[in-house]
N, C-alpha and C. Protein backbone atom coordinates (compact mmCIF):
# COMPACT_ATOMS: atom_id res chain seq x y z
N MET A 1 -14.04 -9.75 17.23
CA MET A 1 -13.42 -8.50 16.80
C MET A 1 -13.98 -8.13 15.42
N PRO A 2 -14.45 -6.90 15.24
CA PRO A 2 -14.97 -6.48 13.93
C PRO A 2 -13.90 -6.56 12.85
N PRO A 3 -14.32 -6.77 11.58
CA PRO A 3 -13.34 -6.91 10.48
C PRO A 3 -12.36 -5.76 10.38
N THR A 4 -12.83 -4.53 10.58
CA THR A 4 -11.92 -3.38 10.47
C THR A 4 -10.84 -3.45 11.53
N GLN A 5 -11.20 -3.81 12.74
CA GLN A 5 -10.20 -3.93 13.81
C GLN A 5 -9.22 -5.06 13.52
N ARG A 6 -9.72 -6.17 12.95
CA ARG A 6 -8.82 -7.28 12.59
C ARG A 6 -7.81 -6.82 11.54
N LYS A 7 -8.29 -6.06 10.54
CA LYS A 7 -7.41 -5.58 9.48
C LYS A 7 -6.33 -4.66 10.06
N ILE A 8 -6.74 -3.73 10.93
CA ILE A 8 -5.78 -2.81 11.53
C ILE A 8 -4.79 -3.58 12.38
N ARG A 9 -5.25 -4.54 13.16
CA ARG A 9 -4.35 -5.34 13.99
C ARG A 9 -3.36 -6.11 13.13
N ALA A 10 -3.84 -6.70 12.05
CA ALA A 10 -2.95 -7.47 11.17
C ALA A 10 -1.86 -6.57 10.59
N HIS A 11 -2.21 -5.36 10.19
CA HIS A 11 -1.21 -4.45 9.64
C HIS A 11 -0.23 -3.97 10.70
N SER A 12 -0.68 -3.85 11.94
CA SER A 12 0.21 -3.40 13.00
C SER A 12 1.26 -4.46 13.32
N GLU A 13 1.01 -5.69 12.92
CA GLU A 13 1.93 -6.78 13.19
C GLU A 13 2.90 -7.06 12.03
N LEU A 14 2.83 -6.25 10.98
CA LEU A 14 3.80 -6.39 9.89
C LEU A 14 5.19 -6.05 10.41
N PRO A 15 6.23 -6.65 9.85
CA PRO A 15 7.58 -6.42 10.37
C PRO A 15 8.05 -4.98 10.20
N ALA A 16 8.60 -4.44 11.26
CA ALA A 16 9.20 -3.11 11.20
C ALA A 16 10.47 -3.20 10.37
N GLY A 17 10.80 -2.12 9.69
CA GLY A 17 12.02 -2.07 8.91
C GLY A 17 11.89 -2.59 7.49
N GLN A 18 10.84 -3.34 7.21
CA GLN A 18 10.63 -3.82 5.85
C GLN A 18 9.67 -2.87 5.14
N PRO A 19 10.09 -2.32 4.00
CA PRO A 19 9.26 -1.35 3.29
C PRO A 19 7.93 -1.96 2.83
N LYS A 20 6.90 -1.13 2.92
CA LYS A 20 5.56 -1.54 2.51
C LYS A 20 5.00 -0.50 1.55
N LEU A 21 4.26 -0.97 0.55
CA LEU A 21 3.66 -0.09 -0.44
C LEU A 21 2.16 -0.35 -0.47
N PHE A 22 1.38 0.69 -0.24
CA PHE A 22 -0.07 0.62 -0.32
C PHE A 22 -0.50 1.41 -1.55
N ILE A 23 -1.21 0.77 -2.45
CA ILE A 23 -1.73 1.45 -3.64
C ILE A 23 -3.24 1.32 -3.63
N ASN A 24 -3.91 2.46 -3.68
CA ASN A 24 -5.37 2.47 -3.67
C ASN A 24 -5.87 3.44 -4.72
N GLY A 25 -7.10 3.23 -5.15
CA GLY A 25 -7.75 4.14 -6.09
C GLY A 25 -8.64 5.12 -5.37
N THR A 26 -8.70 6.33 -5.88
CA THR A 26 -9.54 7.35 -5.25
C THR A 26 -11.02 7.05 -5.40
N GLN A 27 -11.38 6.16 -6.33
CA GLN A 27 -12.79 5.79 -6.53
C GLN A 27 -13.09 4.38 -6.02
N ASP A 28 -12.22 3.83 -5.19
CA ASP A 28 -12.40 2.49 -4.65
C ASP A 28 -13.54 2.52 -3.62
N PRO A 29 -14.63 1.80 -3.86
CA PRO A 29 -15.75 1.83 -2.92
C PRO A 29 -15.48 1.03 -1.64
N LEU A 30 -14.41 0.24 -1.63
CA LEU A 30 -14.12 -0.60 -0.47
C LEU A 30 -13.10 0.00 0.50
N THR A 31 -12.35 0.98 0.06
CA THR A 31 -11.32 1.57 0.91
C THR A 31 -11.42 3.09 0.84
N THR A 32 -11.64 3.69 1.99
CA THR A 32 -11.68 5.14 2.05
C THR A 32 -10.31 5.68 2.47
N LYS A 33 -10.09 6.94 2.21
CA LYS A 33 -8.84 7.57 2.63
C LYS A 33 -8.70 7.50 4.15
N ALA A 34 -9.77 7.78 4.86
CA ALA A 34 -9.75 7.73 6.32
C ALA A 34 -9.47 6.30 6.81
N GLY A 35 -10.06 5.31 6.14
CA GLY A 35 -9.82 3.93 6.51
C GLY A 35 -8.38 3.52 6.32
N LEU A 36 -7.81 3.91 5.20
CA LEU A 36 -6.41 3.56 4.95
C LEU A 36 -5.48 4.32 5.90
N GLU A 37 -5.82 5.56 6.21
CA GLU A 37 -5.01 6.31 7.17
C GLU A 37 -5.02 5.64 8.54
N GLY A 38 -6.15 5.06 8.92
CA GLY A 38 -6.22 4.32 10.17
C GLY A 38 -5.30 3.11 10.16
N VAL A 39 -5.26 2.43 9.04
CA VAL A 39 -4.38 1.26 8.89
C VAL A 39 -2.91 1.68 8.90
N THR A 40 -2.58 2.69 8.11
CA THR A 40 -1.16 3.07 8.01
C THR A 40 -0.65 3.72 9.29
N ARG A 41 -1.54 4.28 10.08
CA ARG A 41 -1.14 4.90 11.35
C ARG A 41 -0.52 3.85 12.29
N VAL A 42 -0.98 2.61 12.22
CA VAL A 42 -0.48 1.56 13.11
C VAL A 42 0.50 0.62 12.41
N THR A 43 0.74 0.83 11.12
CA THR A 43 1.64 -0.02 10.37
C THR A 43 3.08 0.45 10.58
N PRO A 44 3.98 -0.47 10.94
CA PRO A 44 5.37 -0.07 11.15
C PRO A 44 5.99 0.52 9.89
N GLN A 45 6.81 1.51 10.08
CA GLN A 45 7.53 2.17 8.99
C GLN A 45 8.67 1.26 8.52
N PRO A 46 9.19 1.51 7.34
CA PRO A 46 8.80 2.51 6.37
C PRO A 46 7.61 2.03 5.53
N LEU A 47 6.83 3.00 5.09
CA LEU A 47 5.72 2.68 4.20
C LEU A 47 5.45 3.86 3.29
N GLU A 48 4.88 3.54 2.14
CA GLU A 48 4.48 4.55 1.18
C GLU A 48 3.03 4.29 0.79
N VAL A 49 2.29 5.37 0.61
CA VAL A 49 0.90 5.28 0.18
C VAL A 49 0.76 6.01 -1.15
N VAL A 50 0.17 5.34 -2.11
CA VAL A 50 -0.08 5.93 -3.43
C VAL A 50 -1.58 5.90 -3.68
N TRP A 51 -2.13 7.06 -4.05
CA TRP A 51 -3.53 7.15 -4.45
C TRP A 51 -3.58 7.37 -5.95
N LEU A 52 -4.22 6.45 -6.66
CA LEU A 52 -4.36 6.59 -8.11
C LEU A 52 -5.68 7.30 -8.41
N GLU A 53 -5.56 8.49 -8.95
CA GLU A 53 -6.72 9.31 -9.25
C GLU A 53 -7.66 8.60 -10.23
N GLY A 54 -8.91 8.44 -9.81
CA GLY A 54 -9.93 7.85 -10.67
C GLY A 54 -9.97 6.33 -10.67
N ALA A 55 -9.02 5.68 -10.03
CA ALA A 55 -8.98 4.21 -10.04
C ALA A 55 -10.02 3.64 -9.08
N GLU A 56 -10.64 2.55 -9.51
CA GLU A 56 -11.57 1.82 -8.65
C GLU A 56 -10.83 0.64 -8.02
N HIS A 57 -11.57 -0.24 -7.36
CA HIS A 57 -10.95 -1.34 -6.62
C HIS A 57 -10.17 -2.30 -7.53
N ASP A 58 -10.61 -2.45 -8.77
CA ASP A 58 -9.94 -3.38 -9.68
C ASP A 58 -8.79 -2.74 -10.46
N PHE A 59 -8.58 -1.44 -10.30
CA PHE A 59 -7.49 -0.70 -10.95
C PHE A 59 -7.53 -0.78 -12.47
N ASP A 60 -8.68 -1.17 -13.03
CA ASP A 60 -8.80 -1.31 -14.48
C ASP A 60 -8.37 -0.02 -15.19
N GLY A 61 -7.44 -0.17 -16.13
CA GLY A 61 -6.93 0.97 -16.88
C GLY A 61 -5.74 1.66 -16.23
N HIS A 62 -5.33 1.19 -15.08
CA HIS A 62 -4.22 1.81 -14.35
C HIS A 62 -3.03 0.86 -14.18
N GLU A 63 -3.05 -0.23 -14.93
CA GLU A 63 -2.03 -1.26 -14.76
C GLU A 63 -0.62 -0.74 -15.02
N ALA A 64 -0.44 0.05 -16.06
CA ALA A 64 0.90 0.56 -16.39
C ALA A 64 1.41 1.49 -15.29
N ASP A 65 0.54 2.32 -14.76
CA ASP A 65 0.92 3.22 -13.68
C ASP A 65 1.32 2.43 -12.43
N ILE A 66 0.54 1.41 -12.12
CA ILE A 66 0.86 0.57 -10.96
C ILE A 66 2.20 -0.12 -11.17
N ALA A 67 2.41 -0.70 -12.34
CA ALA A 67 3.67 -1.39 -12.61
C ALA A 67 4.86 -0.44 -12.46
N ALA A 68 4.74 0.76 -12.98
CA ALA A 68 5.84 1.73 -12.87
C ALA A 68 6.10 2.09 -11.42
N ARG A 69 5.05 2.27 -10.63
CA ARG A 69 5.22 2.63 -9.22
C ARG A 69 5.82 1.48 -8.42
N VAL A 70 5.42 0.25 -8.72
CA VAL A 70 5.98 -0.91 -8.02
C VAL A 70 7.46 -1.08 -8.37
N VAL A 71 7.80 -0.95 -9.64
CA VAL A 71 9.20 -1.05 -10.05
C VAL A 71 10.04 0.03 -9.36
N ALA A 72 9.53 1.26 -9.32
CA ALA A 72 10.25 2.35 -8.66
C ALA A 72 10.41 2.08 -7.17
N PHE A 73 9.38 1.57 -6.53
CA PHE A 73 9.43 1.24 -5.11
C PHE A 73 10.48 0.16 -4.84
N ILE A 74 10.45 -0.90 -5.65
CA ILE A 74 11.42 -1.98 -5.48
C ILE A 74 12.83 -1.47 -5.72
N SER A 75 13.01 -0.64 -6.72
CA SER A 75 14.33 -0.08 -7.02
C SER A 75 14.86 0.76 -5.86
N ARG A 76 13.98 1.54 -5.23
CA ARG A 76 14.40 2.38 -4.11
C ARG A 76 14.73 1.57 -2.86
N HIS A 77 13.95 0.54 -2.59
CA HIS A 77 14.06 -0.14 -1.31
C HIS A 77 14.79 -1.47 -1.33
N PHE A 78 14.90 -2.09 -2.50
CA PHE A 78 15.47 -3.42 -2.55
C PHE A 78 16.57 -3.57 -3.58
N GLN A 79 17.16 -2.47 -3.99
CA GLN A 79 18.18 -2.50 -5.02
C GLN A 79 19.31 -3.46 -4.67
N ASP A 80 19.76 -3.44 -3.44
CA ASP A 80 20.87 -4.31 -3.03
C ASP A 80 20.52 -5.79 -3.10
N ALA A 81 19.25 -6.11 -3.04
CA ALA A 81 18.83 -7.51 -3.08
C ALA A 81 19.07 -8.13 -4.45
N PHE A 82 19.21 -7.28 -5.48
CA PHE A 82 19.36 -7.79 -6.85
C PHE A 82 20.78 -7.73 -7.36
N VAL A 83 21.71 -7.29 -6.52
CA VAL A 83 23.12 -7.19 -6.93
C VAL A 83 23.78 -8.53 -6.61
N PRO A 84 24.38 -9.17 -7.62
CA PRO A 84 25.00 -10.48 -7.37
C PRO A 84 26.23 -10.37 -6.49
């Protein structure tokens, strides 16, 4: 099975009902928008996709933006997990 098909299959087997966050850079040479759309099309919901304008694969210079988005995602989807 080609690597792309393996990746899509692996994502299709992620658990349904568990939130997923995909963060990619618009300048990432390894992931295209069409490629990620193919993956997310078969990935069980819920999921969110964030495109960081100008970010490359290493996200260099975008760390604060990523941290803020991850914190917001966790707050939205897992708030009850942190309540004692």
